[in-house]
Amino acid sequence: MSDTLPDGLWEFVQQLPPPPPKPGRPRMDQRAVLTTVLFVQVSGCSWETTDGLFGIRGRFVG
């Protein structure tokens, strides 16, 4: 469901985060995370109400 983020915007934004560190957990789908963050900001809903909506489940850090 991350298709709601336009491809042109994603191509620009995906270059911004630093590369993931080698040890540790692999990163979540960054496009799904950004889509969820933007949805929460625009809609005003809470993060908890989006659980699973864009492929992101539960709490996460970083």
PDB file of N, CA and C in Angstrom:
ATOM      1  N   MET A   1       0.822  -1.188   0.000  1.00  0.00           N
ATOM      2  CA  MET A   1       0.000   0.000   0.000  1.00  0.00           C
ATOM      3  C   MET A   1       0.873   1.261   0.000  1.00  0.00           C
ATOM      4  N   SER A   2       2.152   1.094  -0.086  1.00  0.00           N
ATOM      5  CA  SER A   2       3.044   2.247  -0.119  1.00  0.00           C
ATOM      6  C   SER A   2       2.963   2.993  -1.446  1.00  0.00           C
ATOM      7  N   ASP A   3       2.112   2.523  -2.348  1.00  0.00           N
ATOM      8  CA  ASP A   3       1.950   3.190  -3.634  1.00  0.00           C
ATOM      9  C   ASP A   3       1.313   4.569  -3.480  1.00  0.00           C
ATOM     10  N   THR A   4       0.811   4.905  -2.302  1.00  0.00           N
ATOM     11  CA  THR A   4       0.190   6.205  -2.101  1.00  0.00           C
ATOM     12  C   THR A   4       1.229   7.324  -2.062  1.00  0.00           C
ATOM     13  N   LEU A   5       2.499   6.996  -1.910  1.00  0.00           N
ATOM     14  CA  LEU A   5       3.577   7.968  -1.956  1.00  0.00           C
ATOM     15  C   LEU A   5       4.056   8.065  -3.404  1.00  0.00           C
ATOM     16  N   PRO A   6       3.950   9.250  -4.032  1.00  0.00           N
ATOM     17  CA  PRO A   6       4.333   9.365  -5.447  1.00  0.00           C
ATOM     18  C   PRO A   6       5.777   8.929  -5.695  1.00  0.00           C
ATOM     19  N   ASP A   7       6.005   8.267  -6.813  1.00  0.00           N
ATOM     20  CA  ASP A   7       7.330   7.751  -7.150  1.00  0.00           C
ATOM     21  C   ASP A   7       8.375   8.857  -7.205  1.00  0.00           C
ATOM     22  N   GLY A   8       8.031  10.014  -7.761  1.00  0.00           N
ATOM     23  CA  GLY A   8       8.988  11.108  -7.863  1.00  0.00           C
ATOM     24  C   GLY A   8       9.454  11.588  -6.501  1.00  0.00           C
ATOM     25  N   LEU A   9       8.525  11.691  -5.562  1.00  0.00           N
ATOM     26  CA  LEU A   9       8.879  12.104  -4.210  1.00  0.00           C
ATOM     27  C   LEU A   9       9.740  11.038  -3.547  1.00  0.00           C
ATOM     28  N   TRP A  10       9.373   9.781  -3.713  1.00  0.00           N
ATOM     29  CA  TRP A  10      10.141   8.700  -3.101  1.00  0.00           C
ATOM     30  C   TRP A  10      11.568   8.646  -3.660  1.00  0.00           C
ATOM     31  N   GLU A  11      11.739   8.855  -4.970  1.00  0.00           N
ATOM     32  CA  GLU A  11      13.075   8.836  -5.563  1.00  0.00           C
ATOM     33  C   GLU A  11      13.969   9.903  -4.931  1.00  0.00           C
ATOM     34  N   PHE A  12      13.394  11.061  -4.623  1.00  0.00           N
ATOM     35  CA  PHE A  12      14.153  12.117  -3.973  1.00  0.00           C
ATOM     36  C   PHE A  12      14.456  11.772  -2.522  1.00  0.00           C
ATOM     37  N   VAL A  13      13.448  11.319  -1.795  1.00  0.00           N
ATOM     38  CA  VAL A  13      13.564  11.097  -0.354  1.00  0.00           C
ATOM     39  C   VAL A  13      14.429   9.892  -0.018  1.00  0.00           C
ATOM     40  N   GLN A  14      14.413   8.851  -0.819  1.00  0.00           N
ATOM     41  CA  GLN A  14      15.156   7.630  -0.471  1.00  0.00           C
ATOM     42  C   GLN A  14      16.659   7.847  -0.447  1.00  0.00           C
ATOM     43  N   GLN A  15      17.133   8.930  -1.007  1.00  0.00           N
ATOM     44  CA  GLN A  15      18.565   9.225  -0.985  1.00  0.00           C
ATOM     45  C   GLN A  15      18.994   9.896   0.315  1.00  0.00           C
ATOM     46  N   LEU A  16      18.044  10.371   1.130  1.00  0.00           N
ATOM     47  CA  LEU A  16      18.366  11.155   2.312  1.00  0.00           C
ATOM     48  C   LEU A  16      18.857  10.355   3.519  1.00  0.00           C
ATOM     49  N   PRO A  17      18.236   9.221   3.881  1.00  0.00           N
ATOM     50  CA  PRO A  17      18.720   8.533   5.087  1.00  0.00           C
ATOM     51  C   PRO A  17      20.113   7.941   4.871  1.00  0.00           C
ATOM     52  N   PRO A  18      20.896   7.879   5.931  1.00  0.00           N
ATOM     53  CA  PRO A  18      22.216   7.245   5.808  1.00  0.00           C
ATOM     54  C   PRO A  18      22.055   5.749   5.566  1.00  0.00           C
ATOM     55  N   PRO A  19      23.078   5.100   5.038  1.00  0.00           N
ATOM     56  CA  PRO A  19      22.984   3.653   4.823  1.00  0.00           C
ATOM     57  C   PRO A  19      22.806   2.928   6.159  1.00  0.00           C
ATOM     58  N   PRO A  20      22.109   1.799   6.146  1.00  0.00           N
ATOM     59  CA  PRO A  20      21.899   1.065   7.400  1.00  0.00           C
ATOM     60  C   PRO A  20      23.220   0.536   7.939  1.00  0.00           C
ATOM     61  N   PRO A  21      23.338   0.469   9.265  1.00  0.00           N
ATOM     62  CA  PRO A  21      24.556  -0.108   9.854  1.00  0.00           C
ATOM     63  C   PRO A  21      24.624  -1.601   9.538  1.00  0.00           C
ATOM     64  N   LYS A  22      25.821  -2.114   9.464  1.00  0.00           N
ATOM     65  CA  LYS A  22      25.993  -3.534   9.110  1.00  0.00           C
ATOM     66  C   LYS A  22      25.477  -4.478  10.197  1.00  0.00           C
ATOM     67  N   PRO A  23      25.870  -4.312  11.465  1.00  0.00           N
ATOM     68  CA  PRO A  23      25.315  -5.211  12.484  1.00  0.00           C
ATOM     69  C   PRO A  23      23.936  -4.717  12.924  1.00  0.00           C
ATOM     70  N   GLY A  24      23.154  -5.611  13.460  1.00  0.00           N
ATOM     71  CA  GLY A  24      21.842  -5.225  13.981  1.00  0.00           C
ATOM     72  C   GLY A  24      20.702  -5.661  13.078  1.00  0.00           C
ATOM     73  N   ARG A  25      19.506  -5.241  13.467  1.00  0.00           N
ATOM     74  CA  ARG A  25      18.315  -5.617  12.726  1.00  0.00           C
ATOM     75  C   ARG A  25      18.261  -4.908  11.378  1.00  0.00           C
ATOM     76  N   PRO A  26      17.703  -5.569  10.375  1.00  0.00           N
ATOM     77  CA  PRO A  26      17.514  -4.887   9.096  1.00  0.00           C
ATOM     78  C   PRO A  26      16.427  -3.815   9.242  1.00  0.00           C
ATOM     79  N   ARG A  27      16.517  -2.785   8.444  1.00  0.00           N
ATOM     80  CA  ARG A  27      15.533  -1.708   8.496  1.00  0.00           C
ATOM     81  C   ARG A  27      14.189  -2.163   7.976  1.00  0.00           C
ATOM     82  N   MET A  28      13.155  -1.493   8.474  1.00  0.00           N
ATOM     83  CA  MET A  28      11.812  -1.711   7.946  1.00  0.00           C
ATOM     84  C   MET A  28      11.752  -1.107   6.549  1.00  0.00           C
ATOM     85  N   ASP A  29      10.678  -1.398   5.830  1.00  0.00           N
ATOM     86  CA  ASP A  29      10.454  -0.800   4.523  1.00  0.00           C
ATOM     87  C   ASP A  29      10.341   0.714   4.713  1.00  0.00           C
ATOM     88  N   GLN A  30      11.363   1.442   4.279  1.00  0.00           N
ATOM     89  CA  GLN A  30      11.430   2.879   4.515  1.00  0.00           C
ATOM     90  C   GLN A  30      10.311   3.644   3.808  1.00  0.00           C
ATOM     91  N   ARG A  31       9.887   3.158   2.653  1.00  0.00           N
ATOM     92  CA  ARG A  31       8.787   3.824   1.943  1.00  0.00           C
ATOM     93  C   ARG A  31       7.490   3.681   2.720  1.00  0.00           C
ATOM     94  N   ALA A  32       7.243   2.518   3.288  1.00  0.00           N
ATOM     95  CA  ALA A  32       6.034   2.307   4.093  1.00  0.00           C
ATOM     96  C   ALA A  32       6.069   3.160   5.357  1.00  0.00           C
ATOM     97  N   VAL A  33       7.244   3.293   5.964  1.00  0.00           N
ATOM     98  CA  VAL A  33       7.373   4.126   7.168  1.00  0.00           C
ATOM     99  C   VAL A  33       7.062   5.576   6.829  1.00  0.00           C
ATOM    100  N   LEU A  34       7.645   6.100   5.748  1.00  0.00           N
ATOM    101  CA  LEU A  34       7.410   7.485   5.364  1.00  0.00           C
ATOM    102  C   LEU A  34       5.944   7.712   4.994  1.00  0.00           C
ATOM    103  N   THR A  35       5.349   6.779   4.281  1.00  0.00           N
ATOM    104  CA  THR A  35       3.936   6.899   3.926  1.00  0.00           C
ATOM    105  C   THR A  35       3.080   6.980   5.180  1.00  0.00           C
ATOM    106  N   THR A  36       3.367   6.158   6.174  1.00  0.00           N
ATOM    107  CA  THR A  36       2.607   6.164   7.423  1.00  0.00           C
ATOM    108  C   THR A  36       2.804   7.472   8.173  1.00  0.00           C
ATOM    109  N   VAL A  37       4.042   7.954   8.251  1.00  0.00           N
ATOM    110  CA  VAL A  37       4.313   9.218   8.942  1.00  0.00           C
ATOM    111  C   VAL A  37       3.561  10.366   8.270  1.00  0.00           C
ATOM    112  N   LEU A  38       3.608  10.432   6.954  1.00  0.00           N
ATOM    113  CA  LEU A  38       2.894  11.494   6.247  1.00  0.00           C
ATOM    114  C   LEU A  38       1.390  11.386   6.448  1.00  0.00           C
ATOM    115  N   PHE A  39       0.859  10.164   6.442  1.00  0.00           N
ATOM    116  CA  PHE A  39      -0.570   9.959   6.668  1.00  0.00           C
ATOM    117  C   PHE A  39      -0.977  10.457   8.050  1.00  0.00           C
ATOM    118  N   VAL A  40      -0.183  10.132   9.060  1.00  0.00           N
ATOM    119  CA  VAL A  40      -0.480  10.577  10.428  1.00  0.00           C
ATOM    120  C   VAL A  40      -0.445  12.105  10.506  1.00  0.00           C
ATOM    121  N   GLN A  41       0.539  12.729   9.874  1.00  0.00           N
ATOM    122  CA  GLN A  41       0.656  14.185   9.910  1.00  0.00           C
ATOM    123  C   GLN A  41      -0.499  14.876   9.200  1.00  0.00           C
ATOM    124  N   VAL A  42      -0.899  14.356   8.058  1.00  0.00           N
ATOM    125  CA  VAL A  42      -1.971  14.989   7.277  1.00  0.00           C
ATOM    126  C   VAL A  42      -3.341  14.731   7.892  1.00  0.00           C
ATOM    127  N   SER A  43      -3.576  13.506   8.350  1.00  0.00           N
ATOM    128  CA  SER A  43      -4.909  13.149   8.845  1.00  0.00           C
ATOM    129  C   SER A  43      -5.133  13.554  10.296  1.00  0.00           C
ATOM    130  N   GLY A  44      -4.047  13.661  11.067  1.00  0.00           N
ATOM    131  CA  GLY A  44      -4.189  13.997  12.478  1.00  0.00           C
ATOM    132  C   GLY A  44      -4.532  12.810  13.357  1.00  0.00           C
ATOM    133  N   CYS A  45      -4.557  11.603  12.782  1.00  0.00           N
ATOM    134  CA  CYS A  45      -4.852  10.420  13.591  1.00  0.00           C
ATOM    135  C   CYS A  45      -3.623  10.030  14.401  1.00  0.00           C
ATOM    136  N   SER A  46      -3.780   9.109  15.312  1.00  0.00           N
ATOM    137  CA  SER A  46      -2.648   8.658  16.110  1.00  0.00           C
ATOM    138  C   SER A  46      -1.911   7.542  15.369  1.00  0.00           C
ATOM    139  N   TRP A  47      -0.646   7.355  15.723  1.00  0.00           N
ATOM    140  CA  TRP A  47       0.168   6.303  15.112  1.00  0.00           C
ATOM    141  C   TRP A  47      -0.473   4.939  15.334  1.00  0.00           C
ATOM    142  N   GLU A  48      -1.032   4.726  16.523  1.00  0.00           N
ATOM    143  CA  GLU A  48      -1.612   3.422  16.873  1.00  0.00           C
ATOM    144  C   GLU A  48      -2.775   3.047  15.960  1.00  0.00           C
ATOM    145  N   THR A  49      -3.533   4.029  15.461  1.00  0.00           N
ATOM    146  CA  THR A  49      -4.677   3.702  14.604  1.00  0.00           C
ATOM    147  C   THR A  49      -4.250   3.278  13.207  1.00  0.00           C
ATOM    148  N   THR A  50      -3.001   3.480  12.849  1.00  0.00           N
ATOM    149  CA  THR A  50      -2.524   3.074  11.528  1.00  0.00           C
ATOM    150  C   THR A  50      -1.880   1.699  11.543  1.00  0.00           C
ATOM    151  N   ASP A  51      -1.924   1.002  12.668  1.00  0.00           N
ATOM    152  CA  ASP A  51      -1.247  -0.288  12.816  1.00  0.00           C
ATOM    153  C   ASP A  51      -1.588  -1.229  11.660  1.00  0.00           C
ATOM    154  N   GLY A  52      -0.607  -1.497  10.816  1.00  0.00           N
ATOM    155  CA  GLY A  52      -0.778  -2.418   9.696  1.00  0.00           C
ATOM    156  C   GLY A  52      -1.354  -1.799   8.441  1.00  0.00           C
ATOM    157  N   LEU A  53      -1.803  -0.560   8.502  1.00  0.00           N
ATOM    158  CA  LEU A  53      -2.466   0.062   7.352  1.00  0.00           C
ATOM    159  C   LEU A  53      -1.543   0.170   6.146  1.00  0.00           C
ATOM    160  N   PHE A  54      -0.292   0.528   6.358  1.00  0.00           N
ATOM    161  CA  PHE A  54       0.654   0.679   5.257  1.00  0.00           C
ATOM    162  C   PHE A  54       1.786  -0.345   5.341  1.00  0.00           C
ATOM    163  N   GLY A  55       1.543  -1.446   6.023  1.00  0.00           N
ATOM    164  CA  GLY A  55       2.545  -2.496   6.125  1.00  0.00           C
ATOM    165  C   GLY A  55       3.445  -2.369   7.338  1.00  0.00           C
ATOM    166  N   ILE A  56       3.194  -1.403   8.197  1.00  0.00           N
ATOM    167  CA  ILE A  56       3.992  -1.206   9.412  1.00  0.00           C
ATOM    168  C   ILE A  56       3.147  -1.643  10.595  1.00  0.00           C
ATOM    169  N   ARG A  57       3.650  -2.598  11.348  1.00  0.00           N
ATOM    170  CA  ARG A  57       2.909  -3.106  12.506  1.00  0.00           C
ATOM    171  C   ARG A  57       3.703  -2.865  13.771  1.00  0.00           C
ATOM    172  N   GLY A  58       2.983  -2.511  14.832  1.00  0.00           N
ATOM    173  CA  GLY A  58       3.590  -2.372  16.136  1.00  0.00           C
ATOM    174  C   GLY A  58       4.473  -1.158  16.283  1.00  0.00           C
ATOM    175  N   ARG A  59       5.162  -1.123  17.392  1.00  0.00           N
ATOM    176  CA  ARG A  59       6.044   0.008  17.679  1.00  0.00           C
ATOM    177  C   ARG A  59       7.433  -0.277  17.136  1.00  0.00           C
ATOM    178  N   PHE A  60       8.142   0.776  16.848  1.00  0.00           N
ATOM    179  CA  PHE A  60       9.523   0.614  16.424  1.00  0.00           C
ATOM    180  C   PHE A  60      10.316   1.810  16.897  1.00  0.00           C
ATOM    181  N   VAL A  61      11.612   1.642  16.909  1.00  0.00           N
ATOM    182  CA  VAL A  61      12.511   2.707  17.346  1.00  0.00           C
ATOM    183  C   VAL A  61      13.390   3.078  16.160  1.00  0.00           C
ATOM    184  N   GLY A  62      13.570   4.372  15.964  1.00  0.00           N
ATOM    185  CA  GLY A  62      14.459   4.834  14.896  1.00  0.00           C
ATOM    186  C   GLY A  62      13.834   4.718  13.605  1.00  0.00           C
TER     187      GLY A  62
END
